[in-house]
All heavy atoms as atom14 arrays in JSON, in Angstrom:
{
  "sequence": "EAFTRPKMIYRLAKLGFSQSYNYFPWRNTKSEIETYFSELTRTEVR",
  "atom14_mask": [
    [1, 1, 1, 1, 1, 1, 1, 1, 1, 0, 0, 0, 0, 0],
    [1, 1, 1, 1, 1, 0, 0, 0, 0, 0, 0, 0, 0, 0],
    [1, 1, 1, 1, 1, 1, 1, 1, 1, 1, 1, 0, 0, 0],
    [1, 1, 1, 1, 1, 1, 1, 0, 0, 0, 0, 0, 0, 0],
    [1, 1, 1, 1, 1, 1, 1, 1, 1, 1, 1, 0, 0, 0],
    [1, 1, 1, 1, 1, 1, 1, 0, 0, 0, 0, 0, 0, 0],
    [1, 1, 1, 1, 1, 1, 1, 1, 1, 0, 0, 0, 0, 0],
    [1, 1, 1, 1, 1, 1, 1, 1, 0, 0, 0, 0, 0, 0],
    [1, 1, 1, 1, 1, 1, 1, 1, 0, 0, 0, 0, 0, 0],
    [1, 1, 1, 1, 1, 1, 1, 1, 1, 1, 1, 1, 0, 0],
    [1, 1, 1, 1, 1, 1, 1, 1, 1, 1, 1, 0, 0, 0],
    [1, 1, 1, 1, 1, 1, 1, 1, 0, 0, 0, 0, 0, 0],
    [1, 1, 1, 1, 1, 0, 0, 0, 0, 0, 0, 0, 0, 0],
    [1, 1, 1, 1, 1, 1, 1, 1, 1, 0, 0, 0, 0, 0],
    [1, 1, 1, 1, 1, 1, 1, 1, 0, 0, 0, 0, 0, 0],
    [1, 1, 1, 1, 0, 0, 0, 0, 0, 0, 0, 0, 0, 0],
    [1, 1, 1, 1, 1, 1, 1, 1, 1, 1, 1, 0, 0, 0],
    [1, 1, 1, 1, 1, 1, 0, 0, 0, 0, 0, 0, 0, 0],
    [1, 1, 1, 1, 1, 1, 1, 1, 1, 0, 0, 0, 0, 0],
    [1, 1, 1, 1, 1, 1, 0, 0, 0, 0, 0, 0, 0, 0],
    [1, 1, 1, 1, 1, 1, 1, 1, 1, 1, 1, 1, 0, 0],
    [1, 1, 1, 1, 1, 1, 1, 1, 0, 0, 0, 0, 0, 0],
    [1, 1, 1, 1, 1, 1, 1, 1, 1, 1, 1, 1, 0, 0],
    [1, 1, 1, 1, 1, 1, 1, 1, 1, 1, 1, 0, 0, 0],
    [1, 1, 1, 1, 1, 1, 1, 0, 0, 0, 0, 0, 0, 0],
    [1, 1, 1, 1, 1, 1, 1, 1, 1, 1, 1, 1, 1, 1],
    [1, 1, 1, 1, 1, 1, 1, 1, 1, 1, 1, 0, 0, 0],
    [1, 1, 1, 1, 1, 1, 1, 1, 0, 0, 0, 0, 0, 0],
    [1, 1, 1, 1, 1, 1, 1, 0, 0, 0, 0, 0, 0, 0],
    [1, 1, 1, 1, 1, 1, 1, 1, 1, 0, 0, 0, 0, 0],
    [1, 1, 1, 1, 1, 1, 0, 0, 0, 0, 0, 0, 0, 0],
    [1, 1, 1, 1, 1, 1, 1, 1, 1, 0, 0, 0, 0, 0],
    [1, 1, 1, 1, 1, 1, 1, 1, 0, 0, 0, 0, 0, 0],
    [1, 1, 1, 1, 1, 1, 1, 1, 1, 0, 0, 0, 0, 0],
    [1, 1, 1, 1, 1, 1, 1, 0, 0, 0, 0, 0, 0, 0],
    [1, 1, 1, 1, 1, 1, 1, 1, 1, 1, 1, 1, 0, 0],
    [1, 1, 1, 1, 1, 1, 1, 1, 1, 1, 1, 0, 0, 0],
    [1, 1, 1, 1, 1, 1, 0, 0, 0, 0, 0, 0, 0, 0],
    [1, 1, 1, 1, 1, 1, 1, 1, 1, 0, 0, 0, 0, 0],
    [1, 1, 1, 1, 1, 1, 1, 1, 0, 0, 0, 0, 0, 0],
    [1, 1, 1, 1, 1, 1, 1, 0, 0, 0, 0, 0, 0, 0],
    [1, 1, 1, 1, 1, 1, 1, 1, 1, 1, 1, 0, 0, 0],
    [1, 1, 1, 1, 1, 1, 1, 0, 0, 0, 0, 0, 0, 0],
    [1, 1, 1, 1, 1, 1, 1, 1, 1, 0, 0, 0, 0, 0],
    [1, 1, 1, 1, 1, 1, 1, 0, 0, 0, 0, 0, 0, 0],
    [1, 1, 1, 1, 1, 1, 1, 1, 1, 1, 1, 0, 0, 0]
  ],
  "atom14_positions": [
    [[126.23, 72.16, 93.01], [126.49, 73.59, 92.85], [125.24, 74.27, 93.33], [124.12, 74.39, 92.67], [126.54, 73.78, 91.3], [126.84, 75.22, 90.93], [125.73, 76.05, 90.32], [124.57, 75.44, 90.21], [125.84, 77.26, 90.2], [0.0, 0.0, 0.0], [0.0, 0.0, 0.0], [0.0, 0.0, 0.0], [0.0, 0.0, 0.0], [0.0, 0.0, 0.0]],
    [[125.27, 74.51, 94.59], [123.97, 75.03, 95.4], [124.35, 76.32, 96.06], [124.59, 76.27, 97.33], [123.52, 74.02, 96.29], [0.0, 0.0, 0.0], [0.0, 0.0, 0.0], [0.0, 0.0, 0.0], [0.0, 0.0, 0.0], [0.0, 0.0, 0.0], [0.0, 0.0, 0.0], [0.0, 0.0, 0.0], [0.0, 0.0, 0.0], [0.0, 0.0, 0.0]],
    [[124.44, 77.4, 95.41], [124.71, 78.68, 96.15], [123.24, 79.22, 96.53], [122.54, 79.95, 95.89], [125.35, 79.75, 95.19], [126.68, 79.42, 94.79], [127.09, 79.18, 93.43], [127.7, 79.3, 95.69], [128.38, 78.85, 93.07], [129.09, 79.05, 95.43], [129.32, 78.75, 94.05], [0.0, 0.0, 0.0], [0.0, 0.0, 0.0], [0.0, 0.0, 0.0]],
    [[122.91, 78.6, 97.69], [121.54, 78.95, 98.16], [121.52, 79.01, 99.75], [122.7, 79.06, 100.27], [120.6, 77.83, 97.72], [119.28, 78.05, 98.2], [120.97, 76.46, 98.27], [0.0, 0.0, 0.0], [0.0, 0.0, 0.0], [0.0, 0.0, 0.0], [0.0, 0.0, 0.0], [0.0, 0.0, 0.0], [0.0, 0.0, 0.0], [0.0, 0.0, 0.0]],
    [[120.4, 79.0, 100.24], [120.35, 79.17, 101.73], [120.98, 77.96, 102.53], [120.98, 76.81, 101.97], [118.93, 79.32, 102.24], [118.14, 80.42, 101.45], [116.75, 80.64, 101.96], [115.85, 79.52, 101.89], [115.21, 79.12, 100.82], [115.38, 79.83, 99.59], [114.39, 78.07, 100.74], [0.0, 0.0, 0.0], [0.0, 0.0, 0.0], [0.0, 0.0, 0.0]],
    [[121.54, 78.3, 103.73], [122.36, 77.27, 104.42], [121.55, 75.98, 104.59], [122.06, 74.94, 104.46], [122.66, 78.02, 105.8], [122.68, 79.46, 105.45], [121.55, 79.64, 104.4], [0.0, 0.0, 0.0], [0.0, 0.0, 0.0], [0.0, 0.0, 0.0], [0.0, 0.0, 0.0], [0.0, 0.0, 0.0], [0.0, 0.0, 0.0], [0.0, 0.0, 0.0]],
    [[120.36, 76.14, 105.01], [119.62, 74.82, 105.39], [119.44, 74.0, 104.15], [119.4, 72.74, 104.19], [118.23, 75.18, 106.0], [118.32, 75.69, 107.4], [117.08, 75.86, 108.07], [117.1, 76.21, 109.47], [117.88, 77.51, 109.82], [0.0, 0.0, 0.0], [0.0, 0.0, 0.0], [0.0, 0.0, 0.0], [0.0, 0.0, 0.0], [0.0, 0.0, 0.0]],
    [[119.3, 74.62, 102.95], [119.04, 73.88, 101.77], [120.46, 73.25, 101.29], [120.49, 71.99, 100.94], [118.64, 74.71, 100.7], [117.3, 75.34, 100.95], [116.58, 76.27, 99.57], [116.16, 74.97, 98.36], [0.0, 0.0, 0.0], [0.0, 0.0, 0.0], [0.0, 0.0, 0.0], [0.0, 0.0, 0.0], [0.0, 0.0, 0.0], [0.0, 0.0, 0.0]],
    [[121.56, 73.98, 101.45], [122.8, 73.43, 101.18], [123.16, 72.17, 102.06], [123.61, 71.08, 101.51], [123.96, 74.45, 101.49], [123.87, 75.64, 100.36], [125.35, 73.88, 101.38], [124.87, 76.72, 100.6], [0.0, 0.0, 0.0], [0.0, 0.0, 0.0], [0.0, 0.0, 0.0], [0.0, 0.0, 0.0], [0.0, 0.0, 0.0], [0.0, 0.0, 0.0]],
    [[122.89, 72.26, 103.35], [123.14, 71.15, 104.3], [122.22, 70.06, 104.05], [122.68, 68.79, 104.12], [123.06, 71.66, 105.73], [124.06, 72.64, 106.15], [123.93, 73.51, 107.15], [125.38, 72.68, 105.58], [124.96, 74.47, 107.57], [126.32, 73.7, 105.83], [126.09, 74.5, 106.94], [127.04, 75.41, 107.29], [0.0, 0.0, 0.0], [0.0, 0.0, 0.0]],
    [[121.0, 70.33, 103.65], [120.08, 69.23, 103.35], [120.61, 68.33, 102.14], [120.53, 67.12, 102.17], [118.66, 69.61, 103.05], [117.59, 68.68, 102.84], [117.31, 67.98, 104.23], [116.19, 66.94, 104.03], [115.59, 66.24, 105.02], [115.93, 66.56, 106.19], [114.69, 65.3, 104.82], [0.0, 0.0, 0.0], [0.0, 0.0, 0.0], [0.0, 0.0, 0.0]],
    [[121.04, 69.03, 101.12], [121.52, 68.36, 100.02], [122.72, 67.47, 100.36], [122.93, 66.28, 99.83], [121.93, 69.32, 98.89], [120.75, 70.01, 98.22], [121.23, 71.21, 97.4], [119.95, 69.11, 97.41], [0.0, 0.0, 0.0], [0.0, 0.0, 0.0], [0.0, 0.0, 0.0], [0.0, 0.0, 0.0], [0.0, 0.0, 0.0], [0.0, 0.0, 0.0]],
    [[123.62, 67.97, 101.23], [124.76, 67.14, 101.75], [124.29, 65.91, 102.55], [124.73, 64.79, 102.26], [125.65, 68.0, 102.54], [0.0, 0.0, 0.0], [0.0, 0.0, 0.0], [0.0, 0.0, 0.0], [0.0, 0.0, 0.0], [0.0, 0.0, 0.0], [0.0, 0.0, 0.0], [0.0, 0.0, 0.0], [0.0, 0.0, 0.0], [0.0, 0.0, 0.0]],
    [[123.3, 66.08, 103.33], [122.79, 64.97, 104.09], [122.16, 63.86, 103.06], [122.31, 62.68, 103.38], [121.69, 65.48, 105.08], [122.13, 66.28, 106.2], [120.98, 66.66, 107.04], [121.46, 67.54, 108.25], [120.28, 67.96, 109.07], [0.0, 0.0, 0.0], [0.0, 0.0, 0.0], [0.0, 0.0, 0.0], [0.0, 0.0, 0.0], [0.0, 0.0, 0.0]],
    [[121.57, 64.35, 102.05], [120.83, 63.44, 101.1], [121.87, 62.62, 100.23], [121.43, 61.64, 99.67], [119.97, 64.26, 100.14], [118.7, 64.92, 100.92], [118.02, 65.75, 99.7], [117.74, 63.88, 101.37], [0.0, 0.0, 0.0], [0.0, 0.0, 0.0], [0.0, 0.0, 0.0], [0.0, 0.0, 0.0], [0.0, 0.0, 0.0], [0.0, 0.0, 0.0]],
    [[123.07, 63.12, 100.22], [124.17, 62.23, 99.59], [125.16, 62.94, 98.63], [126.12, 62.28, 98.24], [0.0, 0.0, 0.0], [0.0, 0.0, 0.0], [0.0, 0.0, 0.0], [0.0, 0.0, 0.0], [0.0, 0.0, 0.0], [0.0, 0.0, 0.0], [0.0, 0.0, 0.0], [0.0, 0.0, 0.0], [0.0, 0.0, 0.0], [0.0, 0.0, 0.0]],
    [[125.03, 64.27, 98.53], [125.98, 64.94, 97.73], [127.32, 64.82, 98.39], [127.5, 65.18, 99.6], [125.71, 66.34, 97.41], [124.66, 66.49, 96.4], [123.29, 66.49, 96.53], [125.06, 66.6, 95.01], [122.43, 66.54, 95.51], [124.27, 66.66, 94.02], [122.81, 66.72, 94.21], [0.0, 0.0, 0.0], [0.0, 0.0, 0.0], [0.0, 0.0, 0.0]],
    [[128.42, 64.37, 97.77], [129.73, 64.17, 98.3], [130.41, 65.42, 98.67], [131.1, 65.51, 99.78], [130.63, 63.44, 97.35], [129.97, 62.37, 96.81], [0.0, 0.0, 0.0], [0.0, 0.0, 0.0], [0.0, 0.0, 0.0], [0.0, 0.0, 0.0], [0.0, 0.0, 0.0], [0.0, 0.0, 0.0], [0.0, 0.0, 0.0], [0.0, 0.0, 0.0]],
    [[130.28, 66.5, 97.92], [130.8, 67.81, 98.17], [129.84, 68.91, 97.76], [128.76, 68.61, 97.1], [132.07, 67.99, 97.27], [133.21, 66.92, 97.55], [134.39, 67.16, 96.59], [134.32, 68.05, 95.71], [135.43, 66.32, 96.79], [0.0, 0.0, 0.0], [0.0, 0.0, 0.0], [0.0, 0.0, 0.0], [0.0, 0.0, 0.0], [0.0, 0.0, 0.0]],
    [[130.14, 70.11, 98.16], [129.23, 71.19, 97.79], [130.03, 72.49, 97.61], [130.97, 72.72, 98.27], [128.2, 71.4, 98.92], [127.29, 72.44, 98.5], [0.0, 0.0, 0.0], [0.0, 0.0, 0.0], [0.0, 0.0, 0.0], [0.0, 0.0, 0.0], [0.0, 0.0, 0.0], [0.0, 0.0, 0.0], [0.0, 0.0, 0.0], [0.0, 0.0, 0.0]],
    [[129.51, 73.27, 96.58], [129.85, 74.68, 96.61], [129.42, 75.34, 97.92], [128.59, 74.76, 98.6], [129.15, 75.31, 95.37], [129.81, 75.1, 94.13], [130.34, 73.86, 93.73], [129.92, 76.05, 93.1], [130.87, 73.62, 92.43], [130.54, 75.85, 91.82], [130.94, 74.58, 91.48], [131.5, 74.4, 90.29], [0.0, 0.0, 0.0], [0.0, 0.0, 0.0]],
    [[129.86, 76.51, 98.12], [129.51, 77.12, 99.33], [129.81, 78.69, 99.33], [129.89, 79.21, 98.33], [130.46, 76.49, 100.55], [131.84, 76.39, 100.12], [132.7, 77.47, 100.17], [132.23, 75.19, 99.55], [0.0, 0.0, 0.0], [0.0, 0.0, 0.0], [0.0, 0.0, 0.0], [0.0, 0.0, 0.0], [0.0, 0.0, 0.0], [0.0, 0.0, 0.0]],
    [[129.92, 79.34, 100.48], [129.98, 80.77, 100.54], [131.48, 81.19, 100.52], [131.61, 82.57, 100.76], [129.28, 81.27, 101.82], [127.85, 80.8, 101.83], [127.31, 80.31, 103.06], [126.9, 80.89, 100.76], [126.0, 79.89, 103.19], [125.7, 80.47, 100.8], [125.15, 79.9, 102.03], [123.85, 79.5, 102.18], [0.0, 0.0, 0.0], [0.0, 0.0, 0.0]],
    [[132.31, 80.54, 100.28], [133.78, 80.92, 100.33], [134.09, 82.02, 99.4], [134.73, 83.09, 99.86], [134.66, 79.75, 99.89], [136.13, 80.15, 99.73], [136.96, 80.54, 100.78], [136.69, 80.27, 98.44], [138.23, 80.91, 100.66], [138.01, 80.58, 98.22], [138.79, 81.06, 99.36], [0.0, 0.0, 0.0], [0.0, 0.0, 0.0], [0.0, 0.0, 0.0]],
    [[133.43, 82.19, 98.19], [133.81, 83.33, 97.29], [133.54, 84.74, 98.01], [134.05, 85.67, 97.57], [133.01, 83.16, 96.1], [132.63, 81.69, 96.03], [132.58, 81.27, 97.53], [0.0, 0.0, 0.0], [0.0, 0.0, 0.0], [0.0, 0.0, 0.0], [0.0, 0.0, 0.0], [0.0, 0.0, 0.0], [0.0, 0.0, 0.0], [0.0, 0.0, 0.0]],
    [[132.59, 84.7, 98.88], [132.18, 85.95, 99.58], [132.62, 86.15, 100.99], [132.19, 87.03, 101.71], [130.61, 86.0, 99.51], [130.05, 86.08, 98.11], [130.14, 87.03, 97.12], [129.5, 84.92, 97.48], [129.67, 86.54, 95.97], [129.33, 85.17, 96.03], [129.26, 83.54, 97.81], [128.75, 84.29, 95.2], [128.74, 82.65, 96.96], [128.44, 83.1, 95.62]],
    [[133.52, 85.31, 101.42], [134.08, 85.38, 102.87], [135.51, 85.89, 102.61], [136.42, 85.15, 102.35], [134.09, 84.08, 103.56], [132.69, 83.38, 103.71], [131.78, 84.31, 104.68], [130.53, 83.7, 104.96], [129.32, 83.99, 104.38], [129.31, 84.85, 103.44], [128.24, 83.39, 104.72], [0.0, 0.0, 0.0], [0.0, 0.0, 0.0], [0.0, 0.0, 0.0]],
    [[135.62, 87.24, 102.76], [136.9, 87.83, 102.5], [137.62, 88.41, 103.62], [138.82, 88.47, 103.75], [136.63, 88.93, 101.48], [136.18, 88.41, 100.12], [136.72, 87.57, 99.63], [134.98, 89.07, 99.63], [0.0, 0.0, 0.0], [0.0, 0.0, 0.0], [0.0, 0.0, 0.0], [0.0, 0.0, 0.0], [0.0, 0.0, 0.0], [0.0, 0.0, 0.0]],
    [[136.88, 88.88, 104.71], [137.6, 89.44, 105.89], [137.89, 88.34, 106.81], [137.5, 87.17, 106.79], [136.62, 90.39, 106.68], [135.54, 89.68, 107.25], [136.0, 91.39, 105.75], [0.0, 0.0, 0.0], [0.0, 0.0, 0.0], [0.0, 0.0, 0.0], [0.0, 0.0, 0.0], [0.0, 0.0, 0.0], [0.0, 0.0, 0.0], [0.0, 0.0, 0.0]],
    [[138.85, 88.69, 107.76], [139.37, 87.74, 108.77], [138.11, 87.11, 109.59], [138.08, 85.98, 109.68], [140.35, 88.39, 109.71], [140.92, 87.54, 110.77], [141.89, 88.38, 111.51], [142.47, 87.56, 112.67], [143.59, 88.38, 113.33], [0.0, 0.0, 0.0], [0.0, 0.0, 0.0], [0.0, 0.0, 0.0], [0.0, 0.0, 0.0], [0.0, 0.0, 0.0]],
    [[137.31, 87.96, 110.05], [136.2, 87.54, 110.88], [135.23, 86.63, 110.12], [134.76, 85.64, 110.6], [135.55, 88.74, 111.47], [134.31, 88.96, 111.18], [0.0, 0.0, 0.0], [0.0, 0.0, 0.0], [0.0, 0.0, 0.0], [0.0, 0.0, 0.0], [0.0, 0.0, 0.0], [0.0, 0.0, 0.0], [0.0, 0.0, 0.0], [0.0, 0.0, 0.0]],
    [[134.94, 87.05, 108.8], [134.05, 86.25, 107.98], [134.67, 84.88, 107.8], [133.93, 83.79, 107.83], [133.85, 86.96, 106.67], [132.97, 88.17, 106.73], [132.96, 88.91, 105.43], [133.89, 88.69, 104.51], [132.02, 89.74, 105.14], [0.0, 0.0, 0.0], [0.0, 0.0, 0.0], [0.0, 0.0, 0.0], [0.0, 0.0, 0.0], [0.0, 0.0, 0.0]],
    [[135.92, 84.81, 107.43], [136.56, 83.47, 107.25], [136.58, 82.67, 108.52], [136.3, 81.39, 108.43], [137.98, 83.68, 106.56], [137.96, 84.34, 105.3], [138.79, 82.32, 106.54], [139.24, 84.83, 104.81], [0.0, 0.0, 0.0], [0.0, 0.0, 0.0], [0.0, 0.0, 0.0], [0.0, 0.0, 0.0], [0.0, 0.0, 0.0], [0.0, 0.0, 0.0]],
    [[137.03, 83.21, 109.55], [137.07, 82.48, 110.8], [135.76, 81.93, 111.35], [135.53, 80.76, 111.74], [137.8, 83.28, 111.91], [139.21, 83.52, 111.68], [140.0, 84.27, 112.82], [139.22, 84.77, 113.71], [141.14, 84.4, 112.77], [0.0, 0.0, 0.0], [0.0, 0.0, 0.0], [0.0, 0.0, 0.0], [0.0, 0.0, 0.0], [0.0, 0.0, 0.0]],
    [[134.76, 82.73, 111.19], [133.35, 82.33, 111.6], [132.81, 81.24, 110.7], [132.32, 80.3, 111.29], [132.37, 83.62, 111.62], [132.95, 84.65, 112.52], [131.03, 83.2, 112.03], [0.0, 0.0, 0.0], [0.0, 0.0, 0.0], [0.0, 0.0, 0.0], [0.0, 0.0, 0.0], [0.0, 0.0, 0.0], [0.0, 0.0, 0.0], [0.0, 0.0, 0.0]],
    [[133.02, 81.45, 109.47], [132.34, 80.45, 108.53], [133.13, 79.08, 108.66], [132.38, 78.0, 108.77], [132.49, 81.0, 107.12], [131.76, 80.1, 106.14], [130.41, 79.72, 106.37], [132.45, 79.67, 104.93], [129.78, 78.82, 105.41], [131.71, 78.8, 104.01], [130.47, 78.45, 104.29], [129.81, 77.65, 103.41], [0.0, 0.0, 0.0], [0.0, 0.0, 0.0]],
    [[134.4, 79.11, 108.65], [135.17, 77.78, 108.7], [135.09, 77.18, 109.99], [135.21, 76.0, 110.15], [136.52, 78.04, 108.17], [136.49, 78.03, 106.61], [136.44, 79.28, 105.94], [136.65, 76.98, 105.89], [136.5, 79.35, 104.57], [136.62, 76.91, 104.48], [136.53, 78.16, 103.89], [0.0, 0.0, 0.0], [0.0, 0.0, 0.0], [0.0, 0.0, 0.0]],
    [[134.84, 77.93, 111.14], [134.61, 77.3, 112.38], [133.23, 76.54, 112.36], [133.07, 75.47, 112.9], [134.61, 78.34, 113.42], [135.83, 78.92, 113.68], [0.0, 0.0, 0.0], [0.0, 0.0, 0.0], [0.0, 0.0, 0.0], [0.0, 0.0, 0.0], [0.0, 0.0, 0.0], [0.0, 0.0, 0.0], [0.0, 0.0, 0.0], [0.0, 0.0, 0.0]],
    [[132.28, 77.12, 111.65], [130.96, 76.36, 111.59], [131.21, 75.11, 110.77], [130.62, 74.05, 111.15], [130.03, 77.27, 110.88], [128.66, 76.7, 110.54], [127.74, 77.47, 109.69], [127.91, 78.7, 109.75], [126.81, 76.98, 109.12], [0.0, 0.0, 0.0], [0.0, 0.0, 0.0], [0.0, 0.0, 0.0], [0.0, 0.0, 0.0], [0.0, 0.0, 0.0]],
    [[131.95, 75.17, 109.65], [132.12, 74.0, 108.9], [132.97, 72.92, 109.39], [132.84, 71.74, 109.07], [132.71, 74.41, 107.43], [132.03, 75.32, 106.69], [132.69, 75.5, 105.32], [130.53, 74.83, 106.46], [0.0, 0.0, 0.0], [0.0, 0.0, 0.0], [0.0, 0.0, 0.0], [0.0, 0.0, 0.0], [0.0, 0.0, 0.0], [0.0, 0.0, 0.0]],
    [[133.84, 73.29, 110.38], [134.83, 72.24, 110.96], [134.68, 72.0, 112.43], [135.28, 71.04, 112.85], [136.31, 72.77, 110.76], [136.46, 73.99, 111.44], [136.56, 72.94, 109.19], [0.0, 0.0, 0.0], [0.0, 0.0, 0.0], [0.0, 0.0, 0.0], [0.0, 0.0, 0.0], [0.0, 0.0, 0.0], [0.0, 0.0, 0.0], [0.0, 0.0, 0.0]],
    [[133.91, 72.7, 113.11], [133.81, 72.48, 114.6], [132.39, 72.18, 115.04], [132.09, 72.15, 116.35], [134.32, 73.7, 115.36], [135.83, 73.85, 115.05], [136.32, 74.92, 116.02], [137.79, 75.12, 115.85], [138.5, 75.92, 116.62], [137.9, 76.51, 117.62], [139.81, 76.02, 116.35], [0.0, 0.0, 0.0], [0.0, 0.0, 0.0], [0.0, 0.0, 0.0]],
    [[131.45, 72.05, 114.1], [130.04, 71.73, 114.52], [129.7, 70.39, 113.84], [130.43, 69.81, 113.11], [129.11, 72.79, 114.08], [128.97, 72.79, 112.7], [129.55, 74.18, 114.64], [0.0, 0.0, 0.0], [0.0, 0.0, 0.0], [0.0, 0.0, 0.0], [0.0, 0.0, 0.0], [0.0, 0.0, 0.0], [0.0, 0.0, 0.0], [0.0, 0.0, 0.0]],
    [[128.43, 69.87, 114.24], [127.99, 68.66, 113.58], [128.03, 68.68, 112.08], [128.11, 67.57, 111.39], [126.57, 68.48, 113.97], [125.86, 67.31, 113.41], [124.36, 67.34, 113.74], [123.59, 68.0, 113.0], [123.88, 66.65, 114.58], [0.0, 0.0, 0.0], [0.0, 0.0, 0.0], [0.0, 0.0, 0.0], [0.0, 0.0, 0.0], [0.0, 0.0, 0.0]],
    [[128.07, 69.8, 111.4], [128.08, 70.01, 110.01], [129.24, 69.2, 109.35], [129.11, 68.65, 108.29], [128.08, 71.52, 109.59], [128.47, 71.67, 108.11], [126.86, 72.13, 109.88], [0.0, 0.0, 0.0], [0.0, 0.0, 0.0], [0.0, 0.0, 0.0], [0.0, 0.0, 0.0], [0.0, 0.0, 0.0], [0.0, 0.0, 0.0], [0.0, 0.0, 0.0]],
    [[130.28, 69.18, 110.04], [131.55, 68.54, 109.57], [131.41, 67.19, 109.14], [132.14, 66.47, 108.47], [132.67, 68.8, 110.38], [132.77, 67.98, 111.72], [133.92, 68.39, 112.54], [134.34, 67.23, 113.38], [135.48, 67.08, 114.02], [136.41, 68.01, 113.79], [135.82, 66.15, 114.77], [0.0, 0.0, 0.0], [0.0, 0.0, 0.0], [0.0, 0.0, 0.0]]
  ]
}
């Protein structure tokens, strides 16, 4: 449960957290959703 800065969220995932809360509650417009989920699914982050 880490609603915090992106680098901190990603570091926790690298350290072993299986899943993470994220910025979905505040991504409401089409462009916000597409940009954010493209980052989560099309970059090394995935």
